[in-house]
C-alpha cells in the first residue's frame, strides 16, 4: 500500500498541503490561529451555536457538493480532498458584499454581529442548493445557528430576498465548480495517509479494505466518521484520542441498496443523506432525523457512528430496533451480521471486537399494513438531546387484535432497549384502550430509568407510558389532534 504523509485540500482558492497535523487539531483552530481567517467564530466549541460554520465541498459519485459544517468539531485531518470555504471567500471585492451579506444588511439581520458569519455560511449553503426556498426549508437550514439579538425574523426575510439580488447560477461556487472538481480529483492518488508526531498519529485509509488492514494492525485505534461526538471529547473533555482513523471520505461506506423489502445503508451515510433516502420509504424515521442536531451536525454525523457509539440516548437505534434491523460488522475480511438489539450489551459496552467496525445496517421497511411511529421527548423541539424516545411497530390481524408489535426506547436504560414485557402484554389482545391501560403496568418490569439533568426517572417513566397511549390514539381513529405543529396550526 502506497502511503503519503501530508493532507491536501483547497482553502478558499488556495491549494494546501500540510504535513504537520495533529489528530486532535480542529479546522476552526487552523483557520483562526494558523491562517488568521477570524471571520469564523468560536461560540460553543460543541457544534450547537453555528458561529463557526464553514462550507466543505466533497466529491461524490453524483459530483461536487457543498455542505455546511461546524468547524469547531471538524478535525483538520479529515479534510483531505475537500474544498473548504470560509466567509472571507464570499465578497467579490473589498468594497462590495456578497448578495447574502447585503440582504442581511438591508433587512437588519445582524446586531452584535458575532453570529452573523455563521448565518451567512448556512444561508449560502442553502442558496446554492435551493435558490428560492420555502420558509420551512429556511428554518431547517438555520436550526444549527443561534442568535441572541435579532429574533430570527429579519434573518428569515433576508433569506427569502437573496435571489432578488443575484442569480445563484452565476455565483463563483457554481461557475467554478468544474475547475474545483478537477483540482480535487488531481489530489486523489489512491494512497493511504499516515501522519505521525512524537506522541500522536492518525490514518486516512485509501479504501474500506485498507481500513480493515489498518485496524488489524491498530485494533485500539479510534474510528472517526463525522466527529459530532468525538469532537466534544477533545473540545470539552480534553481526551486523548490518538491513534485515529478518519473514515468520513470513504464512498464505499456511503452506499445504499434495497432488496426484498430490506434497505441496506452503509455505515458512513450521513443523516442528511439518510433523510433523502428515507423520506419516501419510512417518513417517521426521516422526520426524526430532522430533529437530530442542526443542519451542520446532520451533514457530518453518520448513521453508523450513531449506532457504534452505543449511547443510551442515541436517536436512531430504538426505531431501527423496532423495525427489526440487523448490523453487519467487519474484521479483516471476515463479516458477521447480528440483530441490532444484540449489539448493545451494557452502558459503554457493545458487541464489537478489537479491530472490528460497523460496515452497514440492514433495515426492513415497514409492511404496508403496519403502523410505525417514533416519538422524541426533549426540552426544546429542535437541536436538543433526547430525554426519552419511543418507537412502535404494530401489525393488527383481520379481527383487530395485535398480530405483531415491537417497542423500543432510548433514554430508559443503560442501552437502547426493547420493551419485551409490554410487547408480551399486548400480543394477541384486541387493540383497545383497555388492553393498552393493562399493558402499561409492564413498563415497570422492562425499565428502571435514571435521573439526570434532562429528566427525572419519574418523568421518563410517565412520559414513556404516555407515548404508548399516544400511539394507540393515533392508530385507532381518535377524533382529536394528538399533536399540532406550528405550520399545521397556522
Protein backbone atom coordinates (compact mmCIF):
# COMPACT_ATOMS: atom_id res chain seq x y z
CA UNK A 1 0.00 0.00 0.00
CA UNK A 2 1.38 3.38 -1.04
CA UNK A 3 1.36 5.97 1.72
CA UNK A 4 1.90 9.70 1.97
CA UNK A 5 2.50 11.91 4.97
CA UNK A 6 0.50 15.00 4.05
CA UNK A 7 -3.11 16.03 3.67
CA UNK A 8 -4.20 18.03 0.65
CA UNK A 9 -7.22 20.29 0.31
CA UNK A 10 -8.31 23.61 -1.15
CA UNK A 11 -8.86 26.51 1.25
CA UNK A 12 -10.99 29.12 -0.48
CA UNK A 13 -8.93 29.46 -3.70
CA UNK A 14 -5.58 28.09 -2.48
CA UNK A 15 -4.20 24.56 -2.69
CA UNK A 16 -2.97 23.50 0.77
CA UNK A 17 -0.56 20.71 1.67
CA UNK A 18 0.07 20.01 5.36
CA UNK A 19 2.50 17.59 6.92
CA UNK A 20 2.30 18.88 10.50
CA UNK A 21 -1.19 18.00 11.63
CA UNK A 22 -2.20 16.56 14.98
CA UNK A 23 -5.09 14.07 15.05
CA UNK A 24 -6.99 16.27 17.52
CA UNK A 25 -6.45 19.60 15.71
CA UNK A 26 -9.72 21.27 14.73
CA UNK A 27 -10.41 23.08 11.48
CA UNK A 28 -11.54 26.15 13.45
CA UNK A 29 -8.20 26.43 15.24
CA UNK A 30 -6.34 26.04 11.96
CA UNK A 31 -8.39 28.80 10.33
CA UNK A 32 -8.08 31.28 13.16
CA UNK A 33 -4.64 30.57 14.60
CA UNK A 34 -2.64 29.37 11.62
CA UNK A 35 -4.35 31.28 8.79
CA UNK A 36 -5.76 34.37 10.57
CA UNK A 37 -9.18 33.77 8.98
CA UNK A 38 -11.01 35.14 12.00
CA UNK A 39 -14.41 35.64 10.38
CA UNK A 40 -15.16 32.11 11.54
CA UNK A 41 -16.01 32.37 15.25
CA UNK A 42 -15.90 30.05 18.24
CA UNK A 43 -19.12 30.24 20.22
CA UNK A 44 -19.75 26.90 21.91
CA UNK A 45 -16.99 24.52 20.71
CA UNK A 46 -19.52 21.70 20.61
CA UNK A 47 -21.45 22.08 17.36
CA UNK A 48 -24.51 23.81 18.82
CA UNK A 49 -24.37 27.52 18.00
CA UNK A 50 -23.23 27.63 14.36
CA UNK A 51 -20.90 30.63 14.75
CA UNK A 52 -18.07 28.50 13.33
CA UNK A 53 -19.97 27.40 10.21
CA UNK A 54 -17.98 26.93 7.00
CA UNK A 55 -18.74 25.03 3.81
CA UNK A 56 -16.92 21.86 2.87
CA UNK A 57 -17.13 20.68 -0.71
CA UNK A 58 -16.52 16.99 -1.37
CA UNK A 59 -16.56 14.78 -4.43
CA UNK A 60 -19.38 12.25 -4.58
CA UNK A 61 -20.46 9.80 -7.29
CA UNK A 62 -23.00 12.49 -8.26
CA UNK A 63 -20.42 15.27 -8.46
CA UNK A 64 -19.11 18.00 -6.17
CA UNK A 65 -21.43 19.00 -3.34
CA UNK A 66 -21.04 21.69 -0.68
CA UNK A 67 -22.36 21.28 2.85
CA UNK A 68 -22.37 23.47 5.93
CA UNK A 69 -20.32 22.01 8.81
CA UNK A 70 -19.24 23.03 12.30
CA UNK A 71 -15.52 23.78 12.05
CA UNK A 72 -15.22 23.70 15.86
CA UNK A 73 -15.65 19.91 15.86
CA UNK A 74 -14.37 19.06 12.37
CA UNK A 75 -10.92 17.53 12.59
CA UNK A 76 -8.36 19.03 10.24
CA UNK A 77 -7.02 15.58 9.37
CA UNK A 78 -10.40 14.56 7.92
CA UNK A 79 -10.31 17.20 5.17
CA UNK A 80 -8.11 15.50 2.58
CA UNK A 81 -9.50 16.01 -0.91
CA UNK A 82 -12.07 18.65 0.05
CA UNK A 83 -12.71 22.33 -0.66
CA UNK A 84 -13.08 24.44 2.50
CA UNK A 85 -14.91 27.74 2.01
CA UNK A 86 -14.91 30.43 4.71
CA UNK A 87 -16.84 33.69 4.93
CA UNK A 88 -13.79 35.62 3.72
CA UNK A 89 -14.17 33.96 0.30
CA UNK A 90 -17.65 35.29 -0.42
CA UNK A 91 -17.33 39.01 -1.11
CA UNK A 92 -16.17 39.68 -4.69
CA UNK A 93 -14.11 42.71 -3.59
CA UNK A 94 -13.24 44.71 -0.51
CA UNK A 95 -15.91 47.31 -1.32
CA UNK A 96 -18.77 45.00 -2.32
CA UNK A 97 -20.68 42.46 -0.27
CA UNK A 98 -21.94 39.06 -1.33
CA UNK A 99 -25.72 39.03 -2.05
CA UNK A 100 -26.38 37.12 1.18
CA UNK A 101 -24.35 39.61 3.21
CA UNK A 102 -26.08 42.53 1.51
CA UNK A 103 -29.53 41.07 2.18
CA UNK A 104 -28.70 40.68 5.86
CA UNK A 105 -27.62 44.32 5.98
CA UNK A 106 -30.72 45.57 4.16
CA UNK A 107 -33.13 43.52 6.29
CA UNK A 108 -31.36 44.32 9.59
CA UNK A 109 -30.41 40.69 10.17
CA UNK A 110 -27.39 41.49 12.33
CA UNK A 111 -26.97 43.33 15.61
CA UNK A 112 -23.96 42.37 17.71
CA UNK A 113 -22.62 40.54 14.63
CA UNK A 114 -20.85 37.69 16.38
CA UNK A 115 -23.13 35.01 14.96
CA UNK A 116 -23.57 36.67 11.56
CA UNK A 117 -20.76 34.92 9.63
CA UNK A 118 -22.22 31.57 10.64
CA UNK A 119 -25.67 32.58 9.44
CA UNK A 120 -24.16 33.83 6.19
CA UNK A 121 -22.49 30.49 5.55
CA UNK A 122 -25.58 28.43 6.42
CA UNK A 123 -27.70 30.58 4.10
CA UNK A 124 -25.00 30.33 1.43
CA UNK A 125 -25.19 26.54 1.51
CA UNK A 126 -28.98 26.73 1.28
CA UNK A 127 -28.90 29.26 -1.57
CA UNK A 128 -26.58 27.08 -3.63
CA UNK A 129 -28.91 24.10 -3.17
CA UNK A 130 -32.28 25.86 -3.33
CA UNK A 131 -32.27 29.49 -4.53
CA UNK A 132 -35.94 30.14 -3.69
CA UNK A 133 -36.64 28.04 -0.58
CA UNK A 134 -39.92 28.00 1.33
CA UNK A 135 -39.88 29.23 4.92
CA UNK A 136 -39.83 25.73 6.40
CA UNK A 137 -36.68 24.95 4.43
CA UNK A 138 -35.04 28.18 5.63
CA UNK A 139 -35.83 27.35 9.23
CA UNK A 140 -34.43 23.85 8.78
CA UNK A 141 -31.21 25.26 7.33
CA UNK A 142 -30.88 27.57 10.35
CA UNK A 143 -31.65 25.02 13.07
CA UNK A 144 -27.96 24.87 13.95
CA UNK A 145 -27.41 28.64 14.15
CA UNK A 146 -28.18 30.55 17.35
CA UNK A 147 -28.70 34.33 17.56
CA UNK A 148 -29.27 36.22 20.81
CA UNK A 149 -30.19 39.57 19.26
CA UNK A 150 -32.45 39.67 16.22
CA UNK A 151 -35.27 37.25 16.93
CA UNK A 152 -34.57 35.48 13.59
CA UNK A 153 -37.37 37.16 11.60
CA UNK A 154 -35.03 39.66 9.88
CA UNK A 155 -32.69 36.79 9.01
CA UNK A 156 -35.53 34.75 7.51
CA UNK A 157 -36.71 37.77 5.49
CA UNK A 158 -33.18 38.24 4.18
CA UNK A 159 -33.07 34.56 3.19
CA UNK A 160 -36.27 34.98 1.17
CA UNK A 161 -34.82 38.02 -0.61
CA UNK A 162 -31.36 36.78 -1.62
CA UNK A 163 -32.33 35.63 -5.12
CA UNK A 164 -33.68 39.09 -5.91
CA UNK A 165 -30.09 40.35 -5.51
CA UNK A 166 -28.39 37.80 -7.78
CA UNK A 167 -28.74 34.50 -9.61
CA UNK A 168 -27.19 31.58 -7.70
CA UNK A 169 -26.13 30.05 -11.02
CA UNK A 170 -23.74 32.97 -11.51
CA UNK A 171 -22.10 32.62 -8.11
CA UNK A 172 -18.41 31.63 -8.22
CA UNK A 173 -19.17 28.47 -6.26
CA UNK A 174 -21.35 27.43 -9.20
CA UNK A 175 -19.35 28.80 -12.15
CA UNK A 176 -16.03 27.46 -10.85
CA UNK A 177 -17.37 24.03 -9.95
CA UNK A 178 -15.78 22.25 -12.90
CA UNK A 179 -12.39 23.79 -12.11
CA UNK A 180 -12.59 22.91 -8.41
CA UNK A 181 -13.71 19.38 -9.30
CA UNK A 182 -10.65 18.93 -11.48
CA UNK A 183 -8.32 20.23 -8.78
CA UNK A 184 -9.84 17.92 -6.17
CA UNK A 185 -9.60 14.91 -8.49
CA UNK A 186 -5.93 15.65 -9.05
CA UNK A 187 -5.38 15.40 -5.28
CA UNK A 188 -6.69 11.84 -5.24
CA UNK A 189 -3.81 9.41 -5.64
CA UNK A 190 -5.24 6.26 -4.04
CA UNK A 191 -2.68 6.40 -1.23
CA UNK A 192 -3.13 5.82 2.47
CA UNK A 193 -2.34 8.91 4.54
CA UNK A 194 -0.35 8.42 7.73
CA UNK A 195 0.86 11.40 9.74
CA UNK A 196 2.81 10.99 12.97
CA UNK A 197 4.12 13.40 15.56
CA UNK A 198 6.27 12.46 18.55
CA UNK A 199 3.31 11.19 20.54
CA UNK A 200 0.26 11.16 18.24
CA UNK A 201 -0.69 9.85 14.85
CA UNK A 202 -3.62 9.31 12.53
CA UNK A 203 -4.56 7.48 9.36
CA UNK A 204 -6.77 8.25 6.39
CA UNK A 205 -7.36 4.89 4.70
CA UNK A 206 -7.37 4.59 0.91
CA UNK A 207 -10.36 2.22 0.90
CA UNK A 208 -12.53 0.09 3.16
CA UNK A 209 -10.15 -2.83 2.63
CA UNK A 210 -7.32 -0.55 3.73
CA UNK A 211 -9.39 0.46 6.77
CA UNK A 212 -9.69 -3.23 7.70
CA UNK A 213 -5.91 -3.63 7.32
CA UNK A 214 -5.19 -0.59 9.49
CA UNK A 215 -7.49 -1.86 12.24
CA UNK A 216 -5.84 -5.27 12.09
CA UNK A 217 -2.54 -3.56 12.86
CA UNK A 218 -4.01 -0.94 15.22
CA UNK A 219 -7.03 -2.65 16.83
CA UNK A 220 -7.35 0.05 19.50
CA UNK A 221 -7.39 2.94 17.02
CA UNK A 222 -10.26 5.40 17.36
CA UNK A 223 -12.56 5.35 14.31
CA UNK A 224 -13.90 8.83 13.49
CA UNK A 225 -16.54 9.42 10.83
CA UNK A 226 -18.47 12.66 11.41
CA UNK A 227 -16.87 13.59 14.76
CA UNK A 228 -20.11 15.05 16.11
CA UNK A 229 -19.45 13.16 19.35
CA UNK A 230 -15.70 12.55 19.32
CA UNK A 231 -15.14 16.23 18.58
CA UNK A 232 -16.59 17.06 22.00
CA UNK A 233 -14.30 14.54 23.67
CA UNK A 234 -11.48 16.82 22.55
CA UNK A 235 -13.01 20.29 22.93
CA UNK A 236 -14.88 19.68 26.20
CA UNK A 237 -13.17 16.82 27.96
CA UNK A 238 -9.60 17.20 26.63
CA UNK A 239 -9.43 13.46 25.98
CA UNK A 240 -6.54 11.83 24.18
CA UNK A 241 -7.86 10.11 21.04
CA UNK A 242 -4.68 9.03 19.21
CA UNK A 243 -4.31 6.88 17.19
CA UNK A 244 -7.21 7.93 14.97
CA UNK A 245 -8.57 6.57 11.70
CA UNK A 246 -10.66 9.08 9.74
CA UNK A 247 -13.26 7.33 7.54
CA UNK A 248 -15.74 10.04 6.53
CA UNK A 249 -14.33 10.20 2.99
CA UNK A 250 -14.90 6.51 2.14
CA UNK A 251 -17.55 6.35 -0.58
CA UNK A 252 -17.78 2.58 -0.12
CA UNK A 253 -19.32 3.18 3.32
CA UNK A 254 -21.88 5.60 1.84
CA UNK A 255 -23.51 3.08 -0.47
CA UNK A 256 -27.16 2.09 -0.16
CA UNK A 257 -29.28 -0.61 -1.77
CA UNK A 258 -32.71 -2.16 -1.47
CA UNK A 259 -33.61 -5.82 -1.94
CA UNK A 260 -36.65 -7.86 -0.92
CA UNK A 261 -38.03 -5.09 1.27
CA UNK A 262 -34.77 -4.54 3.16
CA UNK A 263 -32.84 -1.29 2.89
CA UNK A 264 -29.06 -1.64 3.32
CA UNK A 265 -27.41 1.58 4.48
CA UNK A 266 -23.64 1.94 4.64
CA UNK A 267 -22.24 2.99 7.99
CA UNK A 268 -20.82 6.21 6.50
CA UNK A 269 -24.17 7.53 5.25
CA UNK A 270 -24.76 10.92 6.85
CA UNK A 271 -28.02 11.95 8.47
CA UNK A 272 -28.62 14.33 5.55
CA UNK A 273 -28.18 11.50 3.05
CA UNK A 274 -30.31 9.17 5.18
CA UNK A 275 -33.12 11.75 5.25
CA UNK A 276 -33.25 11.85 1.45
CA UNK A 277 -33.19 8.07 1.34
CA UNK A 278 -35.89 7.52 3.96
CA UNK A 279 -38.31 10.39 3.32
CA UNK A 280 -40.35 8.37 0.84
CA UNK A 281 -39.83 4.98 2.44
CA UNK A 282 -40.01 5.49 6.22
CA UNK A 283 -41.35 9.03 6.76
CA UNK A 284 -41.39 8.74 10.55
CA UNK A 285 -37.65 7.98 10.57
CA UNK A 286 -36.96 10.88 8.20
CA UNK A 287 -38.92 13.21 10.49
CA UNK A 288 -36.81 12.06 13.43
CA UNK A 289 -33.59 12.81 11.55
CA UNK A 290 -34.81 16.38 11.04
CA UNK A 291 -34.62 16.80 14.83
CA UNK A 292 -31.06 15.48 15.24
CA UNK A 293 -28.83 18.49 15.82
CA UNK A 294 -28.77 21.25 13.24
CA UNK A 295 -28.08 21.09 9.51
CA UNK A 296 -24.31 21.19 10.15
CA UNK A 297 -24.47 18.22 12.51
CA UNK A 298 -26.67 16.24 10.12
CA UNK A 299 -24.20 16.89 7.30
CA UNK A 300 -21.35 15.49 9.42
CA UNK A 301 -22.90 12.82 11.63
CA UNK A 302 -23.43 9.29 10.31
CA UNK A 303 -25.93 6.53 10.92
CA UNK A 304 -23.17 4.02 11.61
CA UNK A 305 -21.48 6.37 14.07
CA UNK A 306 -24.72 6.84 15.99
CA UNK A 307 -25.00 3.07 16.32
CA UNK A 308 -21.35 2.29 17.02
CA UNK A 309 -21.16 4.96 19.72
CA UNK A 310 -23.65 2.92 21.76
CA UNK A 311 -25.18 5.85 23.61
CA UNK A 312 -28.36 5.01 25.54
CA UNK A 313 -29.87 8.24 24.16
CA UNK A 314 -28.76 7.78 20.56
CA UNK A 315 -31.78 8.63 18.43
CA UNK A 316 -31.63 6.10 15.60
CA UNK A 317 -31.14 2.74 17.39
CA UNK A 318 -34.62 2.50 19.00
CA UNK A 319 -36.58 2.93 15.75
CA UNK A 320 -34.16 0.67 13.89
CA UNK A 321 -34.62 -1.98 16.59
CA UNK A 322 -38.39 -1.59 16.34
CA UNK A 323 -38.11 -2.24 12.61
CA UNK A 324 -36.05 -5.39 13.23
CA UNK A 325 -32.78 -4.05 11.79
CA UNK A 326 -29.60 -6.12 11.63
CA UNK A 327 -25.99 -4.97 11.67
CA UNK A 328 -23.00 -6.13 9.61
CA UNK A 329 -19.66 -5.97 11.42
CA UNK A 330 -16.33 -6.49 9.69
CA UNK A 331 -12.91 -7.51 10.96
CA UNK A 332 -10.27 -8.01 8.30
CA UNK A 333 -12.03 -9.91 5.53
CA UNK A 334 -14.49 -11.61 7.88
CA UNK A 335 -18.03 -10.32 8.30
CA UNK A 336 -20.83 -11.22 10.68
CA UNK A 337 -24.41 -9.98 10.84
CA UNK A 338 -26.32 -9.73 14.12
CA UNK A 339 -29.66 -8.30 15.24
CA UNK A 340 -29.08 -4.64 16.08
CA UNK A 341 -30.62 -5.04 19.54
CA UNK A 342 -27.96 -7.66 20.39
CA UNK A 343 -25.18 -5.20 19.61
CA UNK A 344 -25.86 -3.20 22.78
CA UNK A 345 -24.68 -5.14 25.82
CA UNK A 346 -24.37 -2.60 28.64
CA UNK A 347 -23.56 1.05 29.15
CA UNK A 348 -20.46 1.82 27.07
CA UNK A 349 -20.17 -1.83 26.00
CA UNK A 350 -21.08 -3.16 22.58
CA UNK A 351 -20.64 -6.49 20.83
CA UNK A 352 -17.70 -5.26 18.78
CA UNK A 353 -14.32 -6.94 18.92
CA UNK A 354 -10.99 -5.12 18.80
CA UNK A 355 -10.29 -4.19 15.20
CA UNK A 356 -13.91 -4.73 14.16
CA UNK A 357 -16.02 -1.95 12.65
CA UNK A 358 -19.63 -1.33 11.69
CA UNK A 359 -19.95 -1.72 7.92
CA UNK A 360 -23.71 -1.48 7.25
CA UNK A 361 -27.16 -1.61 8.80
CA UNK A 362 -29.99 -3.53 7.17
CA UNK A 363 -33.45 -2.07 7.75
CA UNK A 364 -36.66 -3.99 6.93
CA UNK A 365 -39.11 -1.48 5.50
CA UNK A 366 -42.46 -1.31 7.33
CA UNK A 367 -45.14 -3.54 5.83
CA UNK A 368 -47.98 -1.62 4.13
CA UNK A 369 -50.45 -2.79 6.78
CA UNK A 370 -48.23 -1.94 9.74
CA UNK A 371 -48.33 1.16 11.91
CA UNK A 372 -44.95 2.66 12.68
CA UNK A 373 -44.26 5.74 14.79
CA UNK A 374 -41.40 7.46 16.62
CA UNK A 375 -41.75 9.99 19.43
CA UNK A 376 -38.83 12.02 20.74
CA UNK A 377 -39.17 13.90 24.04
CA UNK A 378 -36.84 16.87 24.58
CA UNK A 379 -36.86 20.19 26.44
CA UNK A 380 -36.93 22.08 23.14
CA UNK A 381 -38.12 20.67 19.85
CA UNK A 382 -35.09 21.23 17.62
CA UNK A 383 -31.37 20.60 18.15
CA UNK A 384 -31.75 19.04 21.59
CA UNK A 385 -30.62 15.83 23.22
CA UNK A 386 -33.25 13.20 23.94
CA UNK A 387 -34.74 12.67 27.39
CA UNK A 388 -36.66 9.64 26.16
CA UNK A 389 -37.59 8.30 22.74
CA UNK A 390 -40.12 5.63 21.91
CA UNK A 391 -40.52 3.67 18.66
CA UNK A 392 -43.53 1.47 17.89
CA UNK A 393 -44.11 -1.02 15.07
CA UNK A 394 -47.58 -2.62 15.12
CA UNK A 395 -49.48 -5.02 12.87
CA UNK A 396 -53.10 -5.97 13.54
CA UNK A 397 -54.85 -9.09 12.30
CA UNK A 398 -58.19 -9.11 10.49
CA UNK A 399 -60.10 -9.11 13.78
CA UNK A 400 -58.29 -6.07 15.17
CA UNK A 401 -56.02 -8.00 17.51
CA UNK A 402 -52.28 -7.38 17.89
CA UNK A 403 -50.59 -9.75 15.45
CA UNK A 404 -47.06 -8.39 15.98
CA UNK A 405 -45.63 -5.48 17.93
CA UNK A 406 -42.11 -4.27 18.57
CA UNK A 407 -41.47 -1.42 21.00
CA UNK A 408 -38.05 0.07 21.72
CA UNK A 409 -36.88 3.02 23.81
CA UNK A 410 -33.87 5.21 24.25
CA UNK A 411 -33.14 7.05 27.49
CA UNK A 412 -34.85 4.42 29.60
CA UNK A 413 -31.94 2.08 30.34
CA UNK A 414 -28.17 1.78 30.00
CA UNK A 415 -28.65 0.88 26.33
CA UNK A 416 -31.34 1.25 23.67
CA UNK A 417 -33.81 -1.42 24.81
CA UNK A 418 -36.88 -3.35 23.73
CA UNK A 419 -39.96 -3.32 25.94
CA UNK A 420 -40.38 -7.10 25.92
CA UNK A 421 -42.81 -7.28 28.84
CA UNK A 422 -45.03 -4.57 27.35
CA UNK A 423 -44.98 -6.34 23.99
CA UNK A 424 -45.98 -9.61 25.64
CA UNK A 425 -48.85 -7.89 27.45
CA UNK A 426 -50.19 -6.59 24.13
CA UNK A 427 -49.58 -9.59 21.86
CA UNK A 428 -52.74 -11.35 20.71
CA UNK A 429 -55.03 -8.91 22.53
CA UNK A 430 -57.61 -6.58 20.96
CA UNK A 431 -56.08 -3.18 20.13
CA UNK A 432 -58.23 -1.27 22.62
CA UNK A 433 -57.68 1.33 25.31
CA UNK A 434 -58.38 -1.31 27.94
CA UNK A 435 -55.61 -3.51 26.54
CA UNK A 436 -53.19 -0.58 26.45
CA UNK A 437 -54.03 0.51 30.01
CA UNK A 438 -53.43 -3.00 31.29
CA UNK A 439 -50.13 -3.31 29.42
CA UNK A 440 -48.78 -0.06 30.89
CA UNK A 441 -48.15 -1.85 34.21
CA UNK A 442 -45.49 -3.94 32.42
CA UNK A 443 -43.26 -0.88 31.92
CA UNK A 444 -42.03 -1.34 35.49
CA UNK A 445 -40.69 -4.78 34.51
CA UNK A 446 -38.88 -3.51 31.43
CA UNK A 447 -37.28 -0.28 32.62
CA UNK A 448 -35.64 1.38 35.59
CA UNK A 449 -34.70 4.79 34.14
CA UNK A 450 -32.05 7.04 35.64
CA UNK A 451 -32.44 10.67 36.67
CA UNK A 452 -30.16 13.31 35.19
CA UNK A 453 -30.17 16.94 34.07
CA UNK A 454 -32.52 16.17 31.19
CA UNK A 455 -35.27 14.43 33.13
CA UNK A 456 -36.06 12.70 36.39
CA UNK A 457 -36.60 8.96 36.49
CA UNK A 458 -40.26 9.53 37.34
CA UNK A 459 -40.76 11.85 34.38
CA UNK A 460 -39.11 9.42 31.98
CA UNK A 461 -41.29 6.57 33.15
CA UNK A 462 -44.51 8.56 32.95
CA UNK A 463 -43.65 10.08 29.57
CA UNK A 464 -42.76 6.68 28.14
CA UNK A 465 -46.05 5.19 29.29
CA UNK A 466 -47.91 8.13 27.79
CA UNK A 467 -46.19 7.56 24.46
CA UNK A 468 -47.87 4.15 24.23
CA UNK A 469 -51.22 5.85 24.86
CA UNK A 470 -50.41 8.42 22.19
CA UNK A 471 -49.51 5.67 19.74
CA UNK A 472 -52.83 3.97 20.48
CA UNK A 473 -54.78 7.19 19.93
CA UNK A 474 -53.02 7.87 16.64
CA UNK A 475 -53.68 4.35 15.34
CA UNK A 476 -57.28 3.88 16.48
CA UNK A 477 -59.17 6.67 14.74
CA UNK A 478 -59.07 9.13 17.64
CA UNK A 479 -61.02 12.22 16.58
CA UNK A 480 -58.96 14.93 18.25
CA UNK A 481 -55.47 16.06 17.20
CA UNK A 482 -52.73 14.42 19.23
CA UNK A 483 -50.12 16.96 18.14
CA UNK A 484 -50.45 20.12 16.10
CA UNK A 485 -47.28 21.57 14.63
CA UNK A 486 -46.66 25.26 14.04
CA UNK A 487 -47.35 25.13 10.33
CA UNK A 488 -50.46 22.95 10.71
CA UNK A 489 -51.83 25.37 13.30
CA UNK A 490 -51.14 28.34 11.03
